[in-house]
Amino acid sequence: MTQETKLALITGASRGLGAALAEALAPTHHIIAVARTSGALEELDDRIKARGGSATLAPMDITDPAAMATLCRGIHDRWGRLDLWLHTAIHAAPLSPAVFVDPKDWTKSIAVNATATSVLIPYVAPLLGEAGQVVFFDDPKAGAKFYGAYGASKAAQMSLARSWAAETERTGPRVTIVEPAPMATALRARFHPGEDRAALTPCADEATRIVALL
């Protein structure tokens, strides 16, 4: 990897859209892949290498602030910068009427979808500087039937992202919010178990579209 190689941090990189984005960016970026599942990250690394790319694997939990501090300090010490951050990590709580939302599901939804984002933004921002770019992924379910925990926590994440985008409009980094097409992911399968997955967009196709927008 040369000094000119671009660096992309992908949080939630082990599967779904995160993994597809990692593979799509691999020809032009060194991928720093963050997820909890070591095995899935190793499989991703194999696919990236098969495309002639390279990756640094970080099997970490984004809800652990100390781990995220260590991650970002490690990026700073090794490279001194980031060019791109794509935040795809998400927790999909089971669909439930608001009166039956499980307290554990609520707590985990807030921790992964909202609190972790609030921790990561100030950690990652100095690495991006003024020239870097951030991409968040919207899934507007706030107020929809049975999406209480997911919709509320995702809306909180998007509120943080939109505030950061407004605050950095003139100074950078550039903060972009993308609403992906419905994809055949494990997350969507939890919400729509009987859906015809053949009618959904493959993650690789959606990743190609999103990368073209950057």
C-alpha atoms as a PDB file:
ATOM      1  CA  MET A   1       0.000   0.000   0.000  1.00  0.00           C
ATOM      2  CA  THR A   2       1.423   3.370  -1.011  1.00  0.00           C
ATOM      3  CA  GLN A   3       1.101   6.674   0.807  1.00  0.00           C
ATOM      4  CA  GLU A   4      -1.354   7.767  -1.909  1.00  0.00           C
ATOM      5  CA  THR A   5      -3.712   4.809  -1.356  1.00  0.00           C
ATOM      6  CA  LYS A   6      -7.098   5.956  -0.155  1.00  0.00           C
ATOM      7  CA  LEU A   7      -8.382   4.634   3.162  1.00  0.00           C
ATOM      8  CA  ALA A   8     -11.992   3.614   3.803  1.00  0.00           C
ATOM      9  CA  LEU A   9     -13.331   2.758   7.254  1.00  0.00           C
ATOM     10  CA  ILE A  10     -16.461   0.598   7.127  1.00  0.00           C
ATOM     11  CA  THR A  11     -18.289  -0.015  10.386  1.00  0.00           C
ATOM     12  CA  GLY A  12     -20.579  -3.021  10.063  1.00  0.00           C
ATOM     13  CA  ALA A  13     -18.486  -4.586   7.300  1.00  0.00           C
ATOM     14  CA  SER A  14     -18.960  -8.296   7.895  1.00  0.00           C
ATOM     15  CA  ARG A  15     -22.050  -8.887   5.743  1.00  0.00           C
ATOM     16  CA  GLY A  16     -24.852  -7.256   3.778  1.00  0.00           C
ATOM     17  CA  LEU A  17     -24.337  -3.780   2.370  1.00  0.00           C
ATOM     18  CA  GLY A  18     -21.213  -3.153   4.459  1.00  0.00           C
ATOM     19  CA  ALA A  19     -19.418  -6.165   3.008  1.00  0.00           C
ATOM     20  CA  ALA A  20     -20.591  -5.332  -0.513  1.00  0.00           C
ATOM     21  CA  LEU A  21     -19.297  -1.774  -0.164  1.00  0.00           C
ATOM     22  CA  ALA A  22     -15.963  -3.091   1.064  1.00  0.00           C
ATOM     23  CA  GLU A  23     -15.635  -5.273  -2.027  1.00  0.00           C
ATOM     24  CA  ALA A  24     -16.747  -2.480  -4.355  1.00  0.00           C
ATOM     25  CA  LEU A  25     -14.198  -0.056  -2.895  1.00  0.00           C
ATOM     26  CA  ALA A  26     -11.348  -2.564  -2.654  1.00  0.00           C
ATOM     27  CA  PRO A  27      -9.874  -1.766  -6.094  1.00  0.00           C
ATOM     28  CA  THR A  28      -9.319   1.876  -5.084  1.00  0.00           C
ATOM     29  CA  HIS A  29      -9.167   1.874  -1.264  1.00  0.00           C
ATOM     30  CA  HIS A  30      -7.465   0.027   1.556  1.00  0.00           C
ATOM     31  CA  ILE A  31     -10.413  -1.202   3.623  1.00  0.00           C
ATOM     32  CA  ILE A  32     -10.497  -0.967   7.414  1.00  0.00           C
ATOM     33  CA  ALA A  33     -13.303  -3.401   8.174  1.00  0.00           C
ATOM     34  CA  VAL A  34     -15.006  -3.284  11.571  1.00  0.00           C
ATOM     35  CA  ALA A  35     -17.512  -5.865  12.809  1.00  0.00           C
ATOM     36  CA  ARG A  36     -17.978  -8.224  15.753  1.00  0.00           C
ATOM     37  CA  THR A  37     -17.741 -11.475  13.761  1.00  0.00           C
ATOM     38  CA  SER A  38     -14.143 -12.518  13.094  1.00  0.00           C
ATOM     39  CA  GLY A  39     -15.068 -15.376  10.758  1.00  0.00           C
ATOM     40  CA  ALA A  40     -17.169 -13.169   8.495  1.00  0.00           C
ATOM     41  CA  LEU A  41     -14.406 -10.551   8.402  1.00  0.00           C
ATOM     42  CA  GLU A  42     -11.870 -13.195   7.393  1.00  0.00           C
ATOM     43  CA  GLU A  43     -14.148 -14.341   4.571  1.00  0.00           C
ATOM     44  CA  LEU A  44     -14.482 -10.716   3.455  1.00  0.00           C
ATOM     45  CA  ASP A  45     -10.697 -10.377   3.526  1.00  0.00           C
ATOM     46  CA  ASP A  46     -10.395 -13.393   1.219  1.00  0.00           C
ATOM     47  CA  ARG A  47     -12.819 -11.846  -1.268  1.00  0.00           C
ATOM     48  CA  ILE A  48     -11.017  -8.494  -1.154  1.00  0.00           C
ATOM     49  CA  LYS A  49      -7.659 -10.158  -1.774  1.00  0.00           C
ATOM     50  CA  ALA A  50      -9.176 -12.079  -4.683  1.00  0.00           C
ATOM     51  CA  ARG A  51      -9.983  -8.707  -6.245  1.00  0.00           C
ATOM     52  CA  GLY A  52      -6.415  -7.519  -5.769  1.00  0.00           C
ATOM     53  CA  GLY A  53      -7.245  -5.315  -2.787  1.00  0.00           C
ATOM     54  CA  SER A  54      -6.133  -5.181   0.818  1.00  0.00           C
ATOM     55  CA  ALA A  55      -7.847  -4.852   4.167  1.00  0.00           C
ATOM     56  CA  THR A  56      -7.183  -4.371   7.840  1.00  0.00           C
ATOM     57  CA  LEU A  57      -9.610  -6.373   9.959  1.00  0.00           C
ATOM     58  CA  ALA A  58     -10.884  -4.953  13.239  1.00  0.00           C
ATOM     59  CA  PRO A  59     -13.101  -7.486  15.057  1.00  0.00           C
ATOM     60  CA  MET A  60     -14.565  -4.992  17.527  1.00  0.00           C
ATOM     61  CA  ASP A  61     -17.895  -4.051  19.063  1.00  0.00           C
ATOM     62  CA  ILE A  62     -18.868  -0.499  18.097  1.00  0.00           C
ATOM     63  CA  THR A  63     -20.827  -0.146  21.365  1.00  0.00           C
ATOM     64  CA  ASP A  64     -17.545  -0.342  23.323  1.00  0.00           C
ATOM     65  CA  PRO A  65     -16.211   3.249  23.505  1.00  0.00           C
ATOM     66  CA  ALA A  66     -12.756   2.088  24.639  1.00  0.00           C
ATOM     67  CA  ALA A  67     -12.496  -0.230  21.632  1.00  0.00           C
ATOM     68  CA  MET A  68     -13.521   2.564  19.258  1.00  0.00           C
ATOM     69  CA  ALA A  69     -10.967   4.894  20.849  1.00  0.00           C
ATOM     70  CA  THR A  70      -8.305   2.234  20.355  1.00  0.00           C
ATOM     71  CA  LEU A  71      -9.390   1.726  16.740  1.00  0.00           C
ATOM     72  CA  CYS A  72      -9.211   5.407  15.855  1.00  0.00           C
ATOM     73  CA  ARG A  73      -5.936   5.913  17.702  1.00  0.00           C
ATOM     74  CA  GLY A  74      -4.519   2.948  15.780  1.00  0.00           C
ATOM     75  CA  ILE A  75      -5.637   4.470  12.466  1.00  0.00           C
ATOM     76  CA  HIS A  76      -4.039   7.770  13.442  1.00  0.00           C
ATOM     77  CA  ASP A  77      -0.762   6.184  14.488  1.00  0.00           C
ATOM     78  CA  ARG A  78      -0.511   4.010  11.369  1.00  0.00           C
ATOM     79  CA  TRP A  79      -1.880   6.268   8.627  1.00  0.00           C
ATOM     80  CA  GLY A  80      -2.660   9.646  10.181  1.00  0.00           C
ATOM     81  CA  ARG A  81      -5.895  10.051   8.247  1.00  0.00           C
ATOM     82  CA  LEU A  82      -9.040   8.600   6.689  1.00  0.00           C
ATOM     83  CA  ASP A  83     -10.529   9.451   3.308  1.00  0.00           C
ATOM     84  CA  LEU A  84     -13.908   7.815   3.753  1.00  0.00           C
ATOM     85  CA  TRP A  85     -16.141   6.460   6.509  1.00  0.00           C
ATOM     86  CA  LEU A  86     -19.206   4.381   5.691  1.00  0.00           C
ATOM     87  CA  HIS A  87     -21.354   3.601   8.729  1.00  0.00           C
ATOM     88  CA  THR A  88     -23.507   0.557   7.933  1.00  0.00           C
ATOM     89  CA  ALA A  89     -23.642  -1.059  11.382  1.00  0.00           C
ATOM     90  CA  ILE A  90     -27.204  -1.465  12.628  1.00  0.00           C
ATOM     91  CA  HIS A  91     -29.248  -3.477  15.103  1.00  0.00           C
ATOM     92  CA  ALA A  92     -32.627  -4.675  13.875  1.00  0.00           C
ATOM     93  CA  ALA A  93     -34.875  -5.287  16.865  1.00  0.00           C
ATOM     94  CA  PRO A  94     -37.766  -7.708  16.240  1.00  0.00           C
ATOM     95  CA  LEU A  95     -40.959  -6.088  15.026  1.00  0.00           C
ATOM     96  CA  SER A  96     -43.276  -5.500  17.952  1.00  0.00           C
ATOM     97  CA  PRO A  97     -46.239  -3.356  18.993  1.00  0.00           C
ATOM     98  CA  ALA A  98     -45.021  -0.419  21.057  1.00  0.00           C
ATOM     99  CA  VAL A  99     -46.675  -1.813  24.176  1.00  0.00           C
ATOM    100  CA  PHE A 100     -44.649  -5.024  23.889  1.00  0.00           C
ATOM    101  CA  VAL A 101     -41.176  -3.662  23.054  1.00  0.00           C
ATOM    102  CA  ASP A 102     -38.707  -5.750  25.036  1.00  0.00           C
ATOM    103  CA  PRO A 103     -36.482  -3.593  27.281  1.00  0.00           C
ATOM    104  CA  LYS A 104     -33.382  -5.500  26.142  1.00  0.00           C
ATOM    105  CA  ASP A 105     -34.238  -4.892  22.479  1.00  0.00           C
ATOM    106  CA  TRP A 106     -34.789  -1.199  23.184  1.00  0.00           C
ATOM    107  CA  THR A 107     -31.494  -0.870  25.054  1.00  0.00           C
ATOM    108  CA  LYS A 108     -29.503  -2.639  22.340  1.00  0.00           C
ATOM    109  CA  SER A 109     -31.192  -0.629  19.568  1.00  0.00           C
ATOM    110  CA  ILE A 110     -30.273   2.648  21.246  1.00  0.00           C
ATOM    111  CA  ALA A 111     -26.738   1.443  22.022  1.00  0.00           C
ATOM    112  CA  VAL A 112     -25.923   0.269  18.475  1.00  0.00           C
ATOM    113  CA  ASN A 113     -27.936   2.644  16.335  1.00  0.00           C
ATOM    114  CA  ALA A 114     -27.716   5.899  18.286  1.00  0.00           C
ATOM    115  CA  THR A 115     -25.172   5.936  21.111  1.00  0.00           C
ATOM    116  CA  ALA A 116     -22.385   4.263  19.122  1.00  0.00           C
ATOM    117  CA  THR A 117     -22.868   6.825  16.364  1.00  0.00           C
ATOM    118  CA  SER A 118     -22.577   9.663  18.869  1.00  0.00           C
ATOM    119  CA  VAL A 119     -19.307   8.164  20.134  1.00  0.00           C
ATOM    120  CA  LEU A 120     -17.840   7.472  16.700  1.00  0.00           C
ATOM    121  CA  ILE A 121     -18.452  10.887  15.165  1.00  0.00           C
ATOM    122  CA  PRO A 122     -16.018  12.789  17.439  1.00  0.00           C
ATOM    123  CA  TYR A 123     -13.488   9.939  17.249  1.00  0.00           C
ATOM    124  CA  VAL A 124     -13.519   9.690  13.448  1.00  0.00           C
ATOM    125  CA  ALA A 125     -13.920  13.377  12.563  1.00  0.00           C
ATOM    126  CA  PRO A 126     -10.265  14.357  13.243  1.00  0.00           C
ATOM    127  CA  LEU A 127      -9.091  11.534  10.979  1.00  0.00           C
ATOM    128  CA  LEU A 128     -11.278  12.778   8.127  1.00  0.00           C
ATOM    129  CA  GLY A 129     -10.228  16.397   8.445  1.00  0.00           C
ATOM    130  CA  GLU A 130     -11.780  18.840   5.997  1.00  0.00           C
ATOM    131  CA  ALA A 131     -11.342  16.736   2.865  1.00  0.00           C
ATOM    132  CA  GLY A 132     -12.831  13.417   4.019  1.00  0.00           C
ATOM    133  CA  GLN A 133     -16.266  12.045   3.332  1.00  0.00           C
ATOM    134  CA  VAL A 134     -18.825  10.248   5.483  1.00  0.00           C
ATOM    135  CA  VAL A 135     -21.828   8.214   4.340  1.00  0.00           C
ATOM    136  CA  PHE A 136     -24.764   7.290   6.549  1.00  0.00           C
ATOM    137  CA  PHE A 137     -27.653   5.103   5.434  1.00  0.00           C
ATOM    138  CA  ASP A 138     -31.241   6.071   6.110  1.00  0.00           C
ATOM    139  CA  ASP A 139     -34.145   3.675   6.548  1.00  0.00           C
ATOM    140  CA  PRO A 140     -37.105   5.880   7.502  1.00  0.00           C
ATOM    141  CA  LYS A 141     -39.306   3.716   9.686  1.00  0.00           C
ATOM    142  CA  ALA A 142     -39.993   6.180  12.533  1.00  0.00           C
ATOM    143  CA  GLY A 143     -43.684   6.101  13.354  1.00  0.00           C
ATOM    144  CA  ALA A 144     -44.413   3.001  11.274  1.00  0.00           C
ATOM    145  CA  LYS A 145     -46.434   0.193  12.854  1.00  0.00           C
ATOM    146  CA  PHE A 146     -44.333  -2.307  14.832  1.00  0.00           C
ATOM    147  CA  TYR A 147     -41.034  -0.495  14.152  1.00  0.00           C
ATOM    148  CA  GLY A 148     -40.930   1.325  17.500  1.00  0.00           C
ATOM    149  CA  ALA A 149     -37.448   0.389  18.747  1.00  0.00           C
ATOM    150  CA  TYR A 150     -35.790   0.267  15.335  1.00  0.00           C
ATOM    151  CA  GLY A 151     -37.538   3.365  13.991  1.00  0.00           C
ATOM    152  CA  ALA A 152     -36.804   5.499  17.037  1.00  0.00           C
ATOM    153  CA  SER A 153     -33.133   4.516  17.292  1.00  0.00           C
ATOM    154  CA  LYS A 154     -32.571   4.897  13.549  1.00  0.00           C
ATOM    155  CA  ALA A 155     -34.245   8.314  13.605  1.00  0.00           C
ATOM    156  CA  ALA A 156     -31.885   9.356  16.407  1.00  0.00           C
ATOM    157  CA  GLN A 157     -28.914   8.266  14.290  1.00  0.00           C
ATOM    158  CA  MET A 158     -30.186  10.230  11.309  1.00  0.00           C
ATOM    159  CA  SER A 159     -30.738  13.306  13.469  1.00  0.00           C
ATOM    160  CA  LEU A 160     -27.074  13.201  14.501  1.00  0.00           C
ATOM    161  CA  ALA A 161     -25.996  12.683  10.891  1.00  0.00           C
ATOM    162  CA  ARG A 162     -28.093  15.551   9.558  1.00  0.00           C
ATOM    163  CA  SER A 163     -26.868  17.912  12.255  1.00  0.00           C
ATOM    164  CA  TRP A 164     -23.257  17.009  11.464  1.00  0.00           C
ATOM    165  CA  ALA A 165     -23.918  17.470   7.743  1.00  0.00           C
ATOM    166  CA  ALA A 166     -25.337  20.959   8.349  1.00  0.00           C
ATOM    167  CA  GLU A 167     -22.486  21.911  10.660  1.00  0.00           C
ATOM    168  CA  THR A 168     -19.774  20.858   8.208  1.00  0.00           C
ATOM    169  CA  GLU A 169     -21.372  22.059   4.981  1.00  0.00           C
ATOM    170  CA  ARG A 170     -18.743  24.786   4.519  1.00  0.00           C
ATOM    171  CA  THR A 171     -15.824  23.295   6.409  1.00  0.00           C
ATOM    172  CA  GLY A 172     -15.904  19.564   5.658  1.00  0.00           C
ATOM    173  CA  PRO A 173     -15.846  16.655   6.008  1.00  0.00           C
ATOM    174  CA  ARG A 174     -18.647  16.069   3.518  1.00  0.00           C
ATOM    175  CA  VAL A 175     -21.469  14.160   5.204  1.00  0.00           C
ATOM    176  CA  THR A 176     -23.837  12.327   2.868  1.00  0.00           C
ATOM    177  CA  ILE A 177     -27.017  10.434   3.702  1.00  0.00           C
ATOM    178  CA  VAL A 178     -28.122   7.718   1.270  1.00  0.00           C
ATOM    179  CA  GLU A 179     -31.371   5.742   1.329  1.00  0.00           C
ATOM    180  CA  PRO A 180     -30.527   2.331  -0.145  1.00  0.00           C
ATOM    181  CA  ALA A 181     -32.949   0.344  -2.253  1.00  0.00           C
ATOM    182  CA  PRO A 182     -34.589  -2.673  -0.567  1.00  0.00           C
ATOM    183  CA  MET A 183     -31.927  -5.389  -0.534  1.00  0.00           C
ATOM    184  CA  ALA A 184     -31.817  -9.106   0.170  1.00  0.00           C
ATOM    185  CA  THR A 185     -30.086  -8.735   3.541  1.00  0.00           C
ATOM    186  CA  ALA A 186     -30.400 -10.659   6.777  1.00  0.00           C
ATOM    187  CA  LEU A 187     -31.683  -7.468   8.406  1.00  0.00           C
ATOM    188  CA  ARG A 188     -34.548  -7.146   5.937  1.00  0.00           C
ATOM    189  CA  ALA A 189     -35.348 -10.854   6.280  1.00  0.00           C
ATOM    190  CA  ARG A 190     -35.940 -10.300  10.006  1.00  0.00           C
ATOM    191  CA  PHE A 191     -38.545  -7.661   9.175  1.00  0.00           C
ATOM    192  CA  HIS A 192     -40.092  -9.396   6.145  1.00  0.00           C
ATOM    193  CA  PRO A 193     -39.540 -13.163   6.546  1.00  0.00           C
ATOM    194  CA  GLY A 194     -42.024 -14.188   3.850  1.00  0.00           C
ATOM    195  CA  GLU A 195     -40.914 -11.683   1.231  1.00  0.00           C
ATOM    196  CA  ASP A 196     -39.899 -12.751  -2.279  1.00  0.00           C
ATOM    197  CA  ARG A 197     -36.174 -12.070  -2.084  1.00  0.00           C
ATOM    198  CA  ALA A 198     -35.764 -12.507  -5.833  1.00  0.00           C
ATOM    199  CA  ALA A 199     -37.503  -9.160  -6.312  1.00  0.00           C
ATOM    200  CA  LEU A 200     -34.986  -7.335  -4.094  1.00  0.00           C
ATOM    201  CA  THR A 201     -31.818  -5.543  -5.198  1.00  0.00           C
ATOM    202  CA  PRO A 202     -28.598  -7.546  -4.728  1.00  0.00           C
ATOM    203  CA  CYS A 203     -26.263  -5.897  -2.220  1.00  0.00           C
ATOM    204  CA  ALA A 204     -23.441  -5.857  -4.780  1.00  0.00           C
ATOM    205  CA  ASP A 205     -25.569  -3.884  -7.260  1.00  0.00           C
ATOM    206  CA  GLU A 206     -26.599  -1.357  -4.621  1.00  0.00           C
ATOM    207  CA  ALA A 207     -22.992  -0.999  -3.451  1.00  0.00           C
ATOM    208  CA  THR A 208     -21.900  -0.256  -7.024  1.00  0.00           C
ATOM    209  CA  ARG A 209     -24.578   2.454  -7.283  1.00  0.00           C
ATOM    210  CA  ILE A 210     -23.578   4.039  -3.976  1.00  0.00           C
ATOM    211  CA  VAL A 211     -19.854   4.016  -4.763  1.00  0.00           C
ATOM    212  CA  ALA A 212     -20.629   5.804  -8.033  1.00  0.00           C
ATOM    213  CA  LEU A 213     -22.259   8.599  -5.998  1.00  0.00           C
ATOM    214  CA  LEU A 214     -19.130   9.258  -3.942  1.00  0.00           C
END
